[in-house]
PDB file of N, CA and C in Angstrom:
ATOM      1  N   MET A   1     -16.669 -19.462  40.156  1.00  0.00           N
ATOM      2  CA  MET A   1     -17.349 -18.569  38.867  1.00  0.00           C
ATOM      3  C   MET A   1     -16.743 -19.739  37.881  1.00  0.00           C
ATOM      4  N   GLN A   2     -17.165 -20.853  37.024  1.00  0.00           N
ATOM      5  CA  GLN A   2     -16.976 -21.334  35.747  1.00  0.00           C
ATOM      6  C   GLN A   2     -17.690 -20.381  35.188  1.00  0.00           C
ATOM      7  N   THR A   3     -17.245 -19.781  34.003  1.00  0.00           N
ATOM      8  CA  THR A   3     -18.073 -19.156  33.146  1.00  0.00           C
ATOM      9  C   THR A   3     -17.139 -18.841  31.568  1.00  0.00           C
ATOM     10  N   LEU A   4     -18.021 -18.968  30.761  1.00  0.00           N
ATOM     11  CA  LEU A   4     -17.092 -18.706  29.457  1.00  0.00           C
ATOM     12  C   LEU A   4     -17.525 -17.280  28.655  1.00  0.00           C
ATOM     13  N   GLU A   5     -18.144 -16.827  29.725  1.00  0.00           N
ATOM     14  CA  GLU A   5     -18.600 -15.307  29.672  1.00  0.00           C
ATOM     15  C   GLU A   5     -17.445 -14.062  29.908  1.00  0.00           C
ATOM     16  N   THR A   6     -17.306 -13.341  28.870  1.00  0.00           N
ATOM     17  CA  THR A   6     -15.593 -12.607  28.812  1.00  0.00           C
ATOM     18  C   THR A   6     -16.300 -11.474  30.267  1.00  0.00           C
ATOM     19  N   ILE A   7     -15.316 -11.284  30.576  1.00  0.00           N
ATOM     20  CA  ILE A   7     -15.377 -10.051  31.513  1.00  0.00           C
ATOM     21  C   ILE A   7     -15.939  -8.900  30.946  1.00  0.00           C
ATOM     22  N   GLY A   8     -15.596  -8.308  29.933  1.00  0.00           N
ATOM     23  CA  GLY A   8     -16.952  -7.049  29.323  1.00  0.00           C
ATOM     24  C   GLY A   8     -18.030  -7.839  29.333  1.00  0.00           C
ATOM     25  N   GLN A   9     -18.522  -8.873  29.108  1.00  0.00           N
ATOM     26  CA  GLN A   9     -19.750  -9.455  28.890  1.00  0.00           C
ATOM     27  C   GLN A   9     -20.688  -9.286  29.962  1.00  0.00           C
ATOM     28  N   LEU A  10     -19.641 -10.203  31.353  1.00  0.00           N
ATOM     29  CA  LEU A  10     -19.955 -10.267  32.440  1.00  0.00           C
ATOM     30  C   LEU A  10     -20.500  -8.495  33.038  1.00  0.00           C
ATOM     31  N   VAL A  11     -19.867  -7.566  32.721  1.00  0.00           N
ATOM     32  CA  VAL A  11     -20.184  -6.413  33.365  1.00  0.00           C
ATOM     33  C   VAL A  11     -21.316  -5.870  32.145  1.00  0.00           C
ATOM     34  N   ARG A  12     -21.199  -5.677  31.493  1.00  0.00           N
ATOM     35  CA  ARG A  12     -22.542  -5.576  30.571  1.00  0.00           C
ATOM     36  C   ARG A  12     -24.016  -5.821  31.127  1.00  0.00           C
ATOM     37  N   ARG A  13     -23.709  -7.440  31.288  1.00  0.00           N
ATOM     38  CA  ARG A  13     -24.834  -8.001  31.849  1.00  0.00           C
ATOM     39  C   ARG A  13     -25.181  -7.474  33.473  1.00  0.00           C
ATOM     40  N   LEU A  14     -24.360  -7.698  34.499  1.00  0.00           N
ATOM     41  CA  LEU A  14     -24.562  -7.206  35.766  1.00  0.00           C
ATOM     42  C   LEU A  14     -25.223  -6.050  35.306  1.00  0.00           C
ATOM     43  N   ARG A  15     -24.534  -4.908  34.480  1.00  0.00           N
ATOM     44  CA  ARG A  15     -24.991  -3.049  34.922  1.00  0.00           C
ATOM     45  C   ARG A  15     -26.519  -3.154  34.363  1.00  0.00           C
ATOM     46  N   LYS A  16     -26.607  -3.837  33.359  1.00  0.00           N
ATOM     47  CA  LYS A  16     -28.138  -4.240  32.639  1.00  0.00           C
ATOM     48  C   LYS A  16     -29.267  -4.735  33.729  1.00  0.00           C
ATOM     49  N   GLU A  17     -28.594  -6.169  34.228  1.00  0.00           N
ATOM     50  CA  GLU A  17     -29.717  -6.554  35.354  1.00  0.00           C
ATOM     51  C   GLU A  17     -30.059  -5.515  36.684  1.00  0.00           C
ATOM     52  N   GLN A  18     -28.821  -4.739  36.783  1.00  0.00           N
ATOM     53  CA  GLN A  18     -29.089  -3.787  38.005  1.00  0.00           C
ATOM     54  C   GLN A  18     -29.576  -2.475  37.298  1.00  0.00           C
ATOM     55  N   GLY A  19     -30.059  -2.360  36.245  1.00  0.00           N
ATOM     56  CA  GLY A  19     -30.333  -0.799  35.432  1.00  0.00           C
ATOM     57  C   GLY A  19     -29.877   0.140  35.579  1.00  0.00           C
ATOM     58  N   LEU A  20     -28.731   0.099  35.600  1.00  0.00           N
ATOM     59  CA  LEU A  20     -27.344   0.958  35.453  1.00  0.00           C
ATOM     60  C   LEU A  20     -27.176   1.284  34.220  1.00  0.00           C
ATOM     61  N   PRO A  21     -26.823   2.956  33.930  1.00  0.00           N
ATOM     62  CA  PRO A  21     -26.654   3.200  32.579  1.00  0.00           C
ATOM     63  C   PRO A  21     -25.129   3.015  32.759  1.00  0.00           C
ATOM     64  N   LEU A  22     -24.408   2.966  31.872  1.00  0.00           N
ATOM     65  CA  LEU A  22     -22.946   2.755  31.170  1.00  0.00           C
ATOM     66  C   LEU A  22     -21.981   4.194  32.377  1.00  0.00           C
ATOM     67  N   ARG A  23     -23.017   5.207  31.831  1.00  0.00           N
ATOM     68  CA  ARG A  23     -22.163   6.635  32.295  1.00  0.00           C
ATOM     69  C   ARG A  23     -22.488   6.466  34.121  1.00  0.00           C
ATOM     70  N   LYS A  24     -22.849   5.456  34.867  1.00  0.00           N
ATOM     71  CA  LYS A  24     -23.029   5.430  36.190  1.00  0.00           C
ATOM     72  C   LYS A  24     -21.906   4.656  36.780  1.00  0.00           C
ATOM     73  N   ILE A  25     -21.622   3.648  35.927  1.00  0.00           N
ATOM     74  CA  ILE A  25     -20.898   2.751  36.299  1.00  0.00           C
ATOM     75  C   ILE A  25     -19.809   2.960  35.804  1.00  0.00           C
ATOM     76  N   ALA A  26     -19.465   3.642  34.889  1.00  0.00           N
ATOM     77  CA  ALA A  26     -18.195   4.184  34.807  1.00  0.00           C
ATOM     78  C   ALA A  26     -17.650   5.325  35.646  1.00  0.00           C
ATOM     79  N   ALA A  27     -18.803   6.029  35.973  1.00  0.00           N
ATOM     80  CA  ALA A  27     -18.244   7.101  37.416  1.00  0.00           C
ATOM     81  C   ALA A  27     -18.092   6.606  38.517  1.00  0.00           C
ATOM     82  N   ARG A  28     -18.868   5.339  38.954  1.00  0.00           N
ATOM     83  CA  ARG A  28     -18.015   4.486  39.890  1.00  0.00           C
ATOM     84  C   ARG A  28     -16.642   3.942  39.812  1.00  0.00           C
ATOM     85  N   LEU A  29     -16.436   3.451  38.528  1.00  0.00           N
ATOM     86  CA  LEU A  29     -15.201   2.734  38.252  1.00  0.00           C
ATOM     87  C   LEU A  29     -13.848   4.252  38.043  1.00  0.00           C
ATOM     88  N   ASP A  30     -14.252   5.169  37.840  1.00  0.00           N
ATOM     89  CA  ASP A  30     -13.331   6.582  37.698  1.00  0.00           C
ATOM     90  C   ASP A  30     -12.950   6.056  36.563  1.00  0.00           C
ATOM     91  N   LEU A  31     -13.546   5.850  34.898  1.00  0.00           N
ATOM     92  CA  LEU A  31     -13.460   5.771  34.053  1.00  0.00           C
ATOM     93  C   LEU A  31     -14.035   6.840  33.065  1.00  0.00           C
ATOM     94  N   ASP A  32     -13.923   6.745  31.740  1.00  0.00           N
ATOM     95  CA  ASP A  32     -14.441   7.625  30.770  1.00  0.00           C
ATOM     96  C   ASP A  32     -15.479   6.448  30.433  1.00  0.00           C
ATOM     97  N   PRO A  33     -16.879   6.634  30.388  1.00  0.00           N
ATOM     98  CA  PRO A  33     -17.771   6.015  29.836  1.00  0.00           C
ATOM     99  C   PRO A  33     -17.119   5.434  28.150  1.00  0.00           C
ATOM    100  N   SER A  34     -16.527   5.851  27.596  1.00  0.00           N
ATOM    101  CA  SER A  34     -16.140   5.226  25.941  1.00  0.00           C
ATOM    102  C   SER A  34     -15.192   3.993  26.359  1.00  0.00           C
ATOM    103  N   THR A  35     -14.458   4.385  27.426  1.00  0.00           N
ATOM    104  CA  THR A  35     -13.582   3.307  27.894  1.00  0.00           C
ATOM    105  C   THR A  35     -14.287   2.011  28.451  1.00  0.00           C
ATOM    106  N   LEU A  36     -15.236   2.495  29.311  1.00  0.00           N
ATOM    107  CA  LEU A  36     -15.764   0.985  29.568  1.00  0.00           C
ATOM    108  C   LEU A  36     -16.868   0.394  28.423  1.00  0.00           C
ATOM    109  N   SER A  37     -17.545   1.147  27.840  1.00  0.00           N
ATOM    110  CA  SER A  37     -18.020   0.557  26.526  1.00  0.00           C
ATOM    111  C   SER A  37     -17.121  -0.103  25.734  1.00  0.00           C
ATOM    112  N   LYS A  38     -15.668   0.028  25.323  1.00  0.00           N
ATOM    113  CA  LYS A  38     -14.898  -0.493  24.778  1.00  0.00           C
ATOM    114  C   LYS A  38     -14.470  -1.908  25.629  1.00  0.00           C
ATOM    115  N   ILE A  39     -14.457  -2.084  26.872  1.00  0.00           N
ATOM    116  CA  ILE A  39     -14.274  -3.053  27.718  1.00  0.00           C
ATOM    117  C   ILE A  39     -15.779  -4.236  27.530  1.00  0.00           C
ATOM    118  N   GLU A  40     -16.801  -3.834  27.643  1.00  0.00           N
ATOM    119  CA  GLU A  40     -17.696  -4.181  27.611  1.00  0.00           C
ATOM    120  C   GLU A  40     -17.857  -5.169  26.085  1.00  0.00           C
ATOM    121  N   ARG A  41     -17.626  -4.035  24.873  1.00  0.00           N
ATOM    122  CA  ARG A  41     -17.477  -5.163  23.684  1.00  0.00           C
ATOM    123  C   ARG A  41     -16.531  -5.943  23.482  1.00  0.00           C
ATOM    124  N   GLY A  42     -15.709  -5.983  24.567  1.00  0.00           N
ATOM    125  CA  GLY A  42     -14.255  -7.040  24.194  1.00  0.00           C
ATOM    126  C   GLY A  42     -13.017  -6.174  23.337  1.00  0.00           C
ATOM    127  N   ASP A  43     -13.156  -4.614  22.515  1.00  0.00           N
ATOM    128  CA  ASP A  43     -12.209  -4.203  22.105  1.00  0.00           C
ATOM    129  C   ASP A  43     -11.017  -3.549  23.100  1.00  0.00           C
ATOM    130  N   ARG A  44     -11.233  -3.404  24.447  1.00  0.00           N
ATOM    131  CA  ARG A  44      -9.927  -3.338  25.351  1.00  0.00           C
ATOM    132  C   ARG A  44     -10.178  -3.931  26.790  1.00  0.00           C
ATOM    133  N   PHE A  45      -9.269  -4.522  26.737  1.00  0.00           N
ATOM    134  CA  PHE A  45      -9.119  -5.351  28.107  1.00  0.00           C
ATOM    135  C   PHE A  45      -8.619  -4.772  29.614  1.00  0.00           C
ATOM    136  N   PRO A  46      -9.455  -5.142  30.291  1.00  0.00           N
ATOM    137  CA  PRO A  46      -9.193  -3.942  31.988  1.00  0.00           C
ATOM    138  C   PRO A  46      -7.771  -4.271  32.622  1.00  0.00           C
ATOM    139  N   THR A  47      -7.689  -3.418  33.434  1.00  0.00           N
ATOM    140  CA  THR A  47      -6.259  -3.434  33.934  1.00  0.00           C
ATOM    141  C   THR A  47      -6.493  -4.570  35.147  1.00  0.00           C
ATOM    142  N   LYS A  48      -5.717  -5.346  36.237  1.00  0.00           N
ATOM    143  CA  LYS A  48      -5.961  -5.770  37.091  1.00  0.00           C
ATOM    144  C   LYS A  48      -6.489  -5.127  38.412  1.00  0.00           C
ATOM    145  N   ASP A  49      -6.092  -3.771  38.532  1.00  0.00           N
ATOM    146  CA  ASP A  49      -6.558  -3.144  39.497  1.00  0.00           C
ATOM    147  C   ASP A  49      -8.020  -2.738  39.342  1.00  0.00           C
ATOM    148  N   LEU A  50      -8.541  -2.365  37.630  1.00  0.00           N
ATOM    149  CA  LEU A  50      -9.846  -2.173  37.433  1.00  0.00           C
ATOM    150  C   LEU A  50     -10.789  -3.300  37.521  1.00  0.00           C
ATOM    151  N   ILE A  51     -10.209  -4.459  37.606  1.00  0.00           N
ATOM    152  CA  ILE A  51     -10.991  -5.809  37.934  1.00  0.00           C
ATOM    153  C   ILE A  51     -11.452  -5.378  39.404  1.00  0.00           C
ATOM    154  N   ARG A  52     -10.555  -5.333  40.724  1.00  0.00           N
ATOM    155  CA  ARG A  52     -10.612  -4.870  41.959  1.00  0.00           C
ATOM    156  C   ARG A  52     -11.962  -3.983  42.227  1.00  0.00           C
ATOM    157  N   LYS A  53     -11.602  -2.896  41.075  1.00  0.00           N
ATOM    158  CA  LYS A  53     -12.883  -2.098  41.369  1.00  0.00           C
ATOM    159  C   LYS A  53     -14.225  -2.545  40.771  1.00  0.00           C
ATOM    160  N   ILE A  54     -14.539  -3.362  39.586  1.00  0.00           N
ATOM    161  CA  ILE A  54     -15.513  -3.609  38.992  1.00  0.00           C
ATOM    162  C   ILE A  54     -16.092  -4.536  40.189  1.00  0.00           C
ATOM    163  N   ALA A  55     -15.378  -5.593  41.020  1.00  0.00           N
ATOM    164  CA  ALA A  55     -15.829  -6.610  41.715  1.00  0.00           C
ATOM    165  C   ALA A  55     -16.335  -5.619  42.953  1.00  0.00           C
ATOM    166  N   GLN A  56     -15.645  -4.238  43.353  1.00  0.00           N
ATOM    167  CA  GLN A  56     -16.511  -3.775  44.444  1.00  0.00           C
ATOM    168  C   GLN A  56     -17.653  -3.053  44.188  1.00  0.00           C
ATOM    169  N   ALA A  57     -17.639  -2.528  43.015  1.00  0.00           N
ATOM    170  CA  ALA A  57     -18.921  -1.867  42.078  1.00  0.00           C
ATOM    171  C   ALA A  57     -19.941  -2.762  42.791  1.00  0.00           C
ATOM    172  N   PHE A  58     -19.410  -4.254  42.130  1.00  0.00           N
ATOM    173  CA  PHE A  58     -20.855  -5.078  42.058  1.00  0.00           C
ATOM    174  C   PHE A  58     -21.209  -6.246  42.882  1.00  0.00           C
ATOM    175  N   GLY A  59     -20.212  -5.925  43.932  1.00  0.00           N
ATOM    176  CA  GLY A  59     -20.525  -6.985  45.141  1.00  0.00           C
ATOM    177  C   GLY A  59     -20.215  -7.964  44.754  1.00  0.00           C
ATOM    178  N   MET A  60     -19.347  -8.557  44.380  1.00  0.00           N
ATOM    179  CA  MET A  60     -18.738  -9.143  43.787  1.00  0.00           C
ATOM    180  C   MET A  60     -17.344 -10.061  44.561  1.00  0.00           C
ATOM    181  N   ASP A  61     -17.534 -11.414  44.696  1.00  0.00           N
ATOM    182  CA  ASP A  61     -15.900 -11.859  45.168  1.00  0.00           C
ATOM    183  C   ASP A  61     -15.073 -11.676  44.428  1.00  0.00           C
ATOM    184  N   GLU A  62     -13.791 -10.607  44.716  1.00  0.00           N
ATOM    185  CA  GLU A  62     -12.743 -10.198  43.899  1.00  0.00           C
ATOM    186  C   GLU A  62     -11.527 -11.399  43.461  1.00  0.00           C
ATOM    187  N   ARG A  63     -11.852 -12.247  44.255  1.00  0.00           N
ATOM    188  CA  ARG A  63     -10.767 -13.663  43.918  1.00  0.00           C
ATOM    189  C   ARG A  63     -11.333 -14.465  42.706  1.00  0.00           C
ATOM    190  N   GLU A  64     -12.939 -14.402  42.705  1.00  0.00           N
ATOM    191  CA  GLU A  64     -13.625 -14.942  41.378  1.00  0.00           C
ATOM    192  C   GLU A  64     -13.186 -14.398  40.424  1.00  0.00           C
ATOM    193  N   LEU A  65     -13.270 -12.953  40.321  1.00  0.00           N
ATOM    194  CA  LEU A  65     -13.199 -12.039  39.387  1.00  0.00           C
ATOM    195  C   LEU A  65     -11.976 -11.996  38.638  1.00  0.00           C
ATOM    196  N   LEU A  66     -10.869 -12.080  39.618  1.00  0.00           N
ATOM    197  CA  LEU A  66      -9.617 -12.441  39.043  1.00  0.00           C
ATOM    198  C   LEU A  66      -8.990 -13.916  38.301  1.00  0.00           C
ATOM    199  N   ILE A  67      -9.744 -14.365  38.991  1.00  0.00           N
ATOM    200  CA  ILE A  67      -9.619 -16.114  38.376  1.00  0.00           C
ATOM    201  C   ILE A  67      -9.889 -15.942  36.999  1.00  0.00           C
ATOM    202  N   LEU A  68     -11.369 -15.056  36.642  1.00  0.00           N
ATOM    203  CA  LEU A  68     -11.926 -15.062  35.333  1.00  0.00           C
ATOM    204  C   LEU A  68     -10.934 -14.221  34.597  1.00  0.00           C
ATOM    205  N   TYR A  69     -10.423 -12.904  35.368  1.00  0.00           N
ATOM    206  CA  TYR A  69      -9.355 -12.391  34.529  1.00  0.00           C
ATOM    207  C   TYR A  69      -8.170 -12.902  33.841  1.00  0.00           C
ATOM    208  N   HIS A  70      -7.595 -13.436  34.559  1.00  0.00           N
ATOM    209  CA  HIS A  70      -6.216 -14.375  34.468  1.00  0.00           C
ATOM    210  C   HIS A  70      -6.383 -15.561  33.526  1.00  0.00           C
ATOM    211  N   SER A  71      -7.992 -16.429  33.687  1.00  0.00           N
ATOM    212  CA  SER A  71      -7.998 -17.170  32.635  1.00  0.00           C
ATOM    213  C   SER A  71      -8.504 -16.406  31.374  1.00  0.00           C
ATOM    214  N   GLU A  72      -8.926 -15.181  31.336  1.00  0.00           N
ATOM    215  CA  GLU A  72      -9.141 -14.892  29.863  1.00  0.00           C
ATOM    216  C   GLU A  72      -7.951 -14.180  29.029  1.00  0.00           C
ATOM    217  N   LYS A  73      -7.187 -13.890  30.060  1.00  0.00           N
ATOM    218  CA  LYS A  73      -5.929 -13.257  29.432  1.00  0.00           C
ATOM    219  C   LYS A  73      -5.022 -14.091  28.817  1.00  0.00           C
ATOM    220  N   ILE A  74      -4.903 -15.368  29.580  1.00  0.00           N
ATOM    221  CA  ILE A  74      -4.075 -16.807  29.120  1.00  0.00           C
ATOM    222  C   ILE A  74      -4.542 -17.192  28.123  1.00  0.00           C
ATOM    223  N   ALA A  75      -6.167 -17.027  27.412  1.00  0.00           N
ATOM    224  CA  ALA A  75      -6.735 -17.744  27.198  1.00  0.00           C
ATOM    225  C   ALA A  75      -6.842 -17.143  25.663  1.00  0.00           C
ATOM    226  N   ASN A  76      -6.650 -15.826  25.845  1.00  0.00           N
ATOM    227  CA  ASN A  76      -6.243 -14.779  24.775  1.00  0.00           C
ATOM    228  C   ASN A  76      -5.014 -14.831  24.225  1.00  0.00           C
ATOM    229  N   ASP A  77      -4.195 -15.248  25.009  1.00  0.00           N
ATOM    230  CA  ASP A  77      -2.399 -15.303  24.607  1.00  0.00           C
ATOM    231  C   ASP A  77      -2.425 -16.751  23.610  1.00  0.00           C
ATOM    232  N   LEU A  78      -3.098 -17.508  24.410  1.00  0.00           N
ATOM    233  CA  LEU A  78      -2.806 -19.138  24.011  1.00  0.00           C
ATOM    234  C   LEU A  78      -3.893 -19.432  22.572  1.00  0.00           C
ATOM    235  N   TYR A  79      -4.871 -19.007  22.479  1.00  0.00           N
ATOM    236  CA  TYR A  79      -6.140 -19.896  21.773  1.00  0.00           C
ATOM    237  C   TYR A  79      -5.371 -20.029  20.489  1.00  0.00           C
ATOM    238  N   ARG A  80      -4.476 -19.493  19.534  1.00  0.00           N
ATOM    239  CA  ARG A  80      -4.307 -19.393  18.269  1.00  0.00           C
ATOM    240  C   ARG A  80      -3.204 -20.313  18.256  1.00  0.00           C
ATOM    241  N   GLU A  81      -2.310 -20.737  19.462  1.00  0.00           N
ATOM    242  CA  GLU A  81      -1.795 -21.802  19.320  1.00  0.00           C
ATOM    243  C   GLU A  81      -2.007 -23.192  19.349  1.00  0.00           C
ATOM    244  N   ASP A  82      -1.413 -23.960  18.100  1.00  0.00           N
ATOM    245  CA  ASP A  82      -1.879 -25.483  18.312  1.00  0.00           C
ATOM    246  C   ASP A  82      -1.636 -26.296  19.388  1.00  0.00           C
ATOM    247  N   TYR A  83      -0.531 -25.898  20.502  1.00  0.00           N
ATOM    248  CA  TYR A  83      -0.081 -26.727  21.330  1.00  0.00           C
ATOM    249  C   TYR A  83      -0.438 -25.701  22.881  1.00  0.00           C
ATOM    250  N   GLY A  84      -1.774 -25.139  22.746  1.00  0.00           N
ATOM    251  CA  GLY A  84      -1.974 -24.205  23.572  1.00  0.00           C
ATOM    252  C   GLY A  84      -2.319 -24.990  25.091  1.00  0.00           C
ATOM    253  N   ILE A  85      -3.028 -26.196  24.967  1.00  0.00           N
ATOM    254  CA  ILE A  85      -3.441 -26.721  25.945  1.00  0.00           C
ATOM    255  C   ILE A  85      -1.987 -27.595  26.459  1.00  0.00           C
ATOM    256  N   GLU A  86      -1.146 -28.028  25.861  1.00  0.00           N
ATOM    257  CA  GLU A  86       0.133 -28.350  26.572  1.00  0.00           C
ATOM    258  C   GLU A  86       1.247 -27.552  26.993  1.00  0.00           C
ATOM    259  N   VAL A  87       0.775 -26.306  26.769  1.00  0.00           N
ATOM    260  CA  VAL A  87       1.574 -25.110  27.014  1.00  0.00           C
ATOM    261  C   VAL A  87       0.942 -24.745  28.779  1.00  0.00           C
ATOM    262  N   LEU A  88      -0.322 -25.017  28.849  1.00  0.00           N
ATOM    263  CA  LEU A  88      -1.118 -24.592  30.344  1.00  0.00           C
ATOM    264  C   LEU A  88      -0.515 -25.916  31.235  1.00  0.00           C
ATOM    265  N   GLU A  89      -0.571 -27.150  30.496  1.00  0.00           N
ATOM    266  CA  GLU A  89      -0.457 -28.200  31.633  1.00  0.00           C
ATOM    267  C   GLU A  89       0.841 -27.699  31.899  1.00  0.00           C
ATOM    268  N   VAL A  90       2.224 -27.498  31.020  1.00  0.00           N
ATOM    269  CA  VAL A  90       3.384 -27.497  31.705  1.00  0.00           C
ATOM    270  C   VAL A  90       3.519 -26.026  32.412  1.00  0.00           C
ATOM    271  N   ALA A  91       2.638 -25.526  32.559  1.00  0.00           N
ATOM    272  CA  ALA A  91       2.808 -24.272  33.175  1.00  0.00           C
ATOM    273  C   ALA A  91       2.149 -24.533  34.544  1.00  0.00           C
ATOM    274  N   GLU A  92       1.040 -25.479  34.823  1.00  0.00           N
ATOM    275  CA  GLU A  92       0.808 -26.151  36.048  1.00  0.00           C
ATOM    276  C   GLU A  92       1.693 -27.245  36.508  1.00  0.00           C
ATOM    277  N   GLN A  93       2.264 -27.578  36.234  1.00  0.00           N
ATOM    278  CA  GLN A  93       3.398 -28.518  36.673  1.00  0.00           C
ATOM    279  C   GLN A  93       4.485 -27.459  37.197  1.00  0.00           C
ATOM    280  N   ARG A  94       5.001 -26.491  36.286  1.00  0.00           N
ATOM    281  CA  ARG A  94       5.668 -24.969  36.625  1.00  0.00           C
ATOM    282  C   ARG A  94       5.598 -24.706  38.216  1.00  0.00           C
ATOM    283  N   ILE A  95       4.197 -24.352  38.059  1.00  0.00           N
ATOM    284  CA  ILE A  95       3.589 -23.533  39.259  1.00  0.00           C
ATOM    285  C   ILE A  95       3.634 -24.620  40.326  1.00  0.00           C
ATOM    286  N   GLU A  96       3.423 -25.712  40.691  1.00  0.00           N
ATOM    287  CA  GLU A  96       3.863 -26.498  41.307  1.00  0.00           C
ATOM    288  C   GLU A  96       4.966 -26.527  41.873  1.00  0.00           C
ATOM    289  N   TYR A  97       5.705 -26.697  40.932  1.00  0.00           N
ATOM    290  CA  TYR A  97       7.555 -27.053  41.047  1.00  0.00           C
ATOM    291  C   TYR A  97       7.877 -25.520  42.009  1.00  0.00           C
ATOM    292  N   ILE A  98       7.611 -24.479  41.362  1.00  0.00           N
ATOM    293  CA  ILE A  98       7.549 -23.191  42.237  1.00  0.00           C
ATOM    294  C   ILE A  98       7.230 -23.168  43.643  1.00  0.00           C
ATOM    295  N   ARG A  99       5.934 -23.643  43.872  1.00  0.00           N
ATOM    296  CA  ARG A  99       5.437 -23.767  45.119  1.00  0.00           C
ATOM    297  C   ARG A  99       6.164 -24.898  46.421  1.00  0.00           C
ATOM    298  N   GLN A 100       6.755 -25.558  45.670  1.00  0.00           N
ATOM    299  CA  GLN A 100       7.043 -26.357  46.238  1.00  0.00           C
ATOM    300  C   GLN A 100       8.685 -26.149  46.781  1.00  0.00           C
ATOM    301  N   LYS A 101       9.194 -25.405  45.797  1.00  0.00           N
ATOM    302  CA  LYS A 101      10.482 -25.326  45.918  1.00  0.00           C
ATOM    303  C   LYS A 101      10.461 -23.696  47.131  1.00  0.00           C
ATOM    304  N   ASN A 102       9.501 -23.001  46.982  1.00  0.00           N
ATOM    305  CA  ASN A 102       9.534 -21.714  48.060  1.00  0.00           C
ATOM    306  C   ASN A 102       8.695 -22.381  49.023  1.00  0.00           C
ATOM    307  N   THR A 103       8.149 -23.325  49.567  1.00  0.00           N
ATOM    308  CA  THR A 103       7.569 -23.793  50.624  1.00  0.00           C
ATOM    309  C   THR A 103       9.054 -24.446  51.246  1.00  0.00           C
ATOM    310  N   VAL A 104       9.997 -25.093  50.421  1.00  0.00           N
ATOM    311  CA  VAL A 104      11.097 -25.514  51.317  1.00  0.00           C
ATOM    312  C   VAL A 104      12.138 -24.532  51.678  1.00  0.00           C
ATOM    313  N   GLN A 105      12.158 -23.559  50.803  1.00  0.00           N
ATOM    314  CA  GLN A 105      13.025 -22.595  51.277  1.00  0.00           C
ATOM    315  C   GLN A 105      12.410 -21.379  52.135  1.00  0.00           C
ATOM    316  N   LYS A 106      11.300 -21.585  52.488  1.00  0.00           N
ATOM    317  CA  LYS A 106      10.857 -21.016  53.786  1.00  0.00           C
ATOM    318  C   LYS A 106      10.775 -21.877  55.020  1.00  0.00           C
ATOM    319  N   ASP A 107      10.561 -23.197  54.959  1.00  0.00           N
ATOM    320  CA  ASP A 107      11.171 -24.090  56.220  1.00  0.00           C
ATOM    321  C   ASP A 107      12.724 -23.946  56.065  1.00  0.00           C
ATOM    322  N   LEU A 108      13.736 -23.677  55.332  1.00  0.00           N
ATOM    323  CA  LEU A 108      14.744 -23.803  55.856  1.00  0.00           C
ATOM    324  C   LEU A 108      15.357 -22.523  56.448  1.00  0.00           C
ATOM    325  N   PHE A 109      14.434 -21.233  56.507  1.00  0.00           N
ATOM    326  CA  PHE A 109      14.995 -20.157  57.331  1.00  0.00           C
ATOM    327  C   PHE A 109      13.658 -19.922  58.447  1.00  0.00           C
ATOM    328  N   LYS A 110      13.343 -20.681  58.913  1.00  0.00           N
ATOM    329  CA  LYS A 110      12.478 -20.646  60.012  1.00  0.00           C
ATOM    330  C   LYS A 110      13.163 -20.773  61.165  1.00  0.00           C
TER     331      LYS A 110
END
């Protein structure tokens, strides 16, 4: 799922496509309807646990929705920074380094 749609916009679109009122989806997610409304409007950001519930409620791939969740979270943290893209590039390098380091450590303890 490569999308610029926010999680809130995605939830609203899916809910409307399925012809479901906000209160029914909120009940499925064990949320107050006003909280779900705030998420759909972008006034509130969902938790990681709620993302998993949303994926289940709409029959979505949890992994794809978690990727959208993390990317939106990171983008919201960095969009005002003049060097946001460079931060992402360095973070990508760090992730690769940590993965390699952990792989080597796992191999040592086999």
